Protein backbone atom coordinates (compact mmCIF):
# COMPACT_ATOMS: atom_id res chain seq x y z
CA MET A 1 -4.57 5.19 27.56
CA PRO A 2 -7.98 6.23 26.26
CA GLU A 3 -8.79 5.41 22.68
CA SER A 4 -8.40 8.20 20.17
CA GLN A 5 -11.60 9.40 18.64
CA PRO A 6 -11.51 9.99 14.86
CA GLU A 7 -12.45 13.64 15.36
CA GLN A 8 -9.38 14.10 17.53
CA LEU A 9 -7.13 12.89 14.73
CA THR A 10 -6.22 14.64 11.55
CA SER A 11 -8.92 14.35 8.90
CA LEU A 12 -6.34 14.05 6.13
CA SER A 13 -5.58 10.60 4.86
CA LEU A 14 -2.06 9.26 4.69
CA LEU A 15 -1.86 10.01 0.98
CA ALA A 16 -3.12 13.56 1.44
CA ARG A 17 -0.47 14.15 4.14
CA ALA A 18 2.24 12.66 1.93
CA ARG A 19 1.16 14.99 -0.89
CA ALA A 20 1.54 17.88 1.57
CA ASN A 21 5.17 16.86 2.13
CA ASP A 22 4.60 15.40 5.59
CA ARG A 23 7.76 13.33 6.25
CA ASP A 24 6.08 10.98 8.69
CA ALA A 25 3.30 10.25 6.20
CA TRP A 26 5.82 9.59 3.44
CA ALA A 27 7.79 7.28 5.76
CA ARG A 28 4.57 5.37 6.60
CA LEU A 29 3.62 5.13 2.94
CA THR A 30 7.01 3.78 1.89
CA SER A 31 7.17 1.35 4.82
CA LEU A 32 3.79 -0.03 3.77
CA TYR A 33 4.62 -0.44 0.09
CA ARG A 34 8.40 -1.05 -0.02
CA PRO A 35 8.08 -4.85 0.38
CA LEU A 36 5.44 -5.01 -2.38
CA VAL A 37 7.54 -2.90 -4.77
CA ALA A 38 10.60 -5.09 -4.02
CA PHE A 39 8.43 -8.14 -4.75
CA TRP A 40 7.43 -6.67 -8.12
CA CYS A 41 11.07 -5.95 -8.91
CA ARG A 42 12.10 -9.52 -8.09
CA ARG A 43 9.19 -10.85 -10.11
CA ALA A 44 10.37 -8.77 -13.05
CA HIS A 45 13.74 -10.56 -12.78
CA CYS A 46 15.79 -7.69 -11.36
CA PRO A 47 18.99 -9.15 -9.94
CA ALA A 48 18.74 -9.54 -6.14
CA GLU A 49 21.59 -7.09 -5.58
CA GLU A 50 19.78 -4.41 -7.65
CA VAL A 51 16.27 -4.74 -6.17
CA GLU A 52 16.85 -2.14 -3.44
CA ASP A 53 18.25 0.39 -5.93
CA VAL A 54 15.33 -0.08 -8.34
CA THR A 55 12.92 0.15 -5.38
CA GLN A 56 14.49 3.47 -4.39
CA GLU A 57 14.09 4.71 -7.96
CA VAL A 58 10.43 3.73 -7.83
CA PHE A 59 9.82 5.74 -4.69
CA ALA A 60 11.80 8.71 -6.07
CA ALA A 61 9.59 8.69 -9.16
CA ALA A 62 6.45 8.23 -7.01
CA ALA A 63 7.44 11.19 -4.82
CA ALA A 64 7.96 13.35 -7.87
CA GLY A 65 4.61 12.36 -9.37
CA LEU A 66 2.46 11.97 -6.28
CA ALA A 67 0.52 15.15 -6.97
CA ALA A 68 -0.55 13.67 -10.34
CA PHE A 69 -2.06 10.50 -8.87
CA ARG A 70 -5.84 10.51 -9.32
CA ARG A 71 -8.66 8.01 -8.98
CA ASP A 72 -10.74 9.43 -11.83
CA ARG A 73 -11.69 6.17 -13.53
CA PRO A 74 -13.19 2.94 -12.19
CA GLY A 75 -10.41 0.60 -11.25
CA ASP A 76 -7.86 3.35 -10.57
CA SER A 77 -5.89 2.61 -7.43
CA PHE A 78 -2.77 3.77 -5.69
CA ARG A 79 -1.40 0.23 -5.96
CA GLY A 80 -2.03 0.15 -9.72
CA TRP A 81 -0.38 3.55 -10.11
CA LEU A 82 2.63 2.42 -8.12
CA ARG A 83 2.77 -0.82 -10.13
CA GLY A 84 2.96 1.28 -13.31
CA ILE A 85 5.82 3.31 -11.91
CA THR A 86 7.58 0.10 -10.87
CA ARG A 87 7.13 -1.29 -14.39
CA ASN A 88 8.65 1.83 -15.92
CA GLN A 89 11.60 1.85 -13.50
CA VAL A 90 12.27 -1.86 -14.14
CA LEU A 91 12.20 -1.21 -17.91
CA LEU A 92 14.59 1.69 -17.46
CA TYR A 93 16.89 -0.45 -15.32
CA PHE A 94 17.08 -3.14 -17.99
CA ARG A 95 17.50 -0.60 -20.73
CA ARG A 96 20.40 1.05 -18.88
CA ASN A 97 22.04 -2.26 -18.26
CA GLN A 98 21.85 -3.80 -21.71
CA GLY A 99 25.08 -2.08 -22.78
CA ARG A 100 23.14 0.36 -24.94
CA THR A 101 22.78 4.04 -24.33
CA LEU A 102 19.41 5.34 -23.34
CA PRO A 103 17.54 6.90 -26.26
CA VAL A 104 17.07 10.63 -25.95
CA GLY A 105 13.36 11.21 -25.41
CA GLY A 106 10.61 11.34 -27.98
CA SER A 107 8.05 8.86 -29.22
CA VAL A 108 10.71 6.54 -30.71
CA ALA A 109 12.28 6.09 -27.27
CA MET A 110 8.88 5.57 -25.67
CA GLY A 111 7.98 3.01 -28.34
CA ARG A 112 11.17 1.07 -27.64
CA LEU A 113 10.43 1.01 -23.93
CA GLN A 114 6.85 -0.08 -24.58
CA ASP A 115 8.06 -2.94 -26.80
CA LEU A 116 9.94 -4.53 -23.90
CA PRO A 117 7.96 -7.41 -22.37
CA ASP A 118 5.85 -6.52 -19.36
CA THR A 119 6.55 -8.96 -16.57
CA LEU A 120 4.01 -7.30 -14.24
CA THR A 121 0.87 -7.63 -16.35
CA ASP A 122 -0.98 -10.26 -14.32
CA PRO A 123 -0.92 -10.44 -10.54
CA ALA A 124 0.73 -13.64 -9.42
CA GLU A 125 -0.71 -15.87 -6.73
CA ASP A 126 2.19 -14.99 -4.45
CA GLU A 127 1.27 -11.32 -4.85
CA ALA A 128 -1.82 -12.09 -2.74
CA VAL A 129 0.56 -13.04 0.09
CA GLU A 130 2.39 -9.71 -0.36
CA MET A 131 -0.91 -7.83 -0.32
CA SER A 132 -1.96 -9.64 2.85
CA GLN A 133 1.27 -8.52 4.45
CA LEU A 134 0.70 -4.94 3.24
CA TYR A 135 -2.75 -4.92 4.88
CA ARG A 136 -1.27 -6.28 8.08
CA ARG A 137 1.35 -3.49 8.10
CA ALA A 138 -1.42 -0.95 7.54
CA VAL A 139 -3.45 -2.36 10.42
CA GLY A 140 -0.35 -2.25 12.60
CA LEU A 141 -0.04 1.51 12.01
CA VAL A 142 -3.21 2.24 13.97
CA ARG A 143 -2.98 -0.53 16.59
CA GLY A 144 -1.52 1.67 19.32
CA GLU A 145 -4.55 3.97 19.21
CA PHE A 146 -6.88 1.37 20.69
CA GLN A 147 -7.26 -0.42 23.98
CA PRO A 148 -6.25 -4.10 23.87
CA TYR A 149 -9.87 -5.17 24.42
CA THR A 150 -11.11 -3.23 21.38
CA TRP A 151 -8.15 -4.34 19.31
CA ASP A 152 -8.70 -8.01 20.21
CA ILE A 153 -12.36 -7.80 19.19
CA PHE A 154 -11.41 -6.24 15.86
CA TRP A 155 -8.69 -8.83 15.23
CA ARG A 156 -10.85 -11.81 16.13
CA VAL A 157 -13.76 -10.70 13.94
CA VAL A 158 -11.92 -9.22 10.94
CA ILE A 159 -8.73 -11.25 10.78
CA ASP A 160 -9.68 -14.54 12.46
CA GLY A 161 -13.24 -14.55 11.02
CA CYS A 162 -15.03 -15.10 14.33
CA SER A 163 -18.71 -14.21 14.18
CA PRO A 164 -19.80 -11.22 16.32
CA THR A 165 -22.48 -13.31 18.01
CA THR A 166 -20.08 -16.09 18.98
CA LEU A 167 -17.49 -13.61 20.22
CA ALA A 168 -20.10 -11.62 22.17
CA LYS A 169 -21.17 -14.77 24.02
CA GLU A 170 -17.56 -15.63 24.79
CA LEU A 171 -16.84 -12.12 26.11
CA GLY A 172 -20.14 -11.64 27.94
CA THR A 173 -21.18 -8.66 25.85
CA THR A 174 -23.64 -7.95 23.04
CA PRO A 175 -23.11 -8.55 19.31
CA ALA A 176 -23.77 -4.83 18.80
CA ALA A 177 -20.86 -3.97 21.14
CA VAL A 178 -18.62 -6.31 19.19
CA ARG A 179 -19.67 -4.78 15.85
CA GLN A 180 -19.16 -1.28 17.28
CA ALA A 181 -15.60 -2.11 18.42
CA LYS A 182 -14.84 -3.61 15.02
CA SER A 183 -16.28 -0.61 13.21
CA ARG A 184 -14.32 1.85 15.32
CA VAL A 185 -11.01 0.27 14.23
CA LEU A 186 -12.11 -0.09 10.59
CA ARG A 187 -13.26 3.55 10.50
CA ARG A 188 -9.91 4.72 11.85
CA LEU A 189 -8.02 2.51 9.41
CA LYS A 190 -10.03 3.91 6.50
CA GLN A 191 -9.47 7.45 7.75
CA GLU A 192 -5.71 6.90 8.02
CA MET A 193 -5.21 4.92 4.83
CA GLY A 194 -7.88 6.51 2.69
CA GLU A 195 -7.27 5.88 -0.99
CA VAL A 196 -3.94 4.13 -0.39
CA LEU A 197 -5.65 0.80 0.33
CA GLU A 198 -8.36 -0.59 -1.88
């Protein structure tokens, strides 16, 4: 199977396609981020049997607000935006389950929600493991678009940390060819994932 050229593929990123109500794009987006959102829910002390329900609420809220996501300020990211939604859904979950009725809107209700402790303020060390897994899932989404030779070069340089010069000698090619193969995969990954991955 010949490798797909970026110009043969849609120029819209995954997030742009999800905003346009593309079901496949939304399925890809949720499959990438569901484990991370579930991790955040567990870290916020959601009971294990409730994590999936809270995670579904997070994605329902994200779907409803996806058009509002912007990267206008330095530091804005899709992950940060999704973390904020997760925080709010976790707070709502605990509010609903404290035996009290939910306040009816307004600044008083918002103030009460904001007074609850934020268990997601600082990324934990184990979040780095979750992010590594997220990146691996993202890479896996484009793997089938490349010949095994190109994919192996990309993997050995980017993931395994092999130098292009060393790998070129091992494969009997030039360092430039190795860098080109690596760049081809990275370019496609950036095109597909766009602003979803930092």
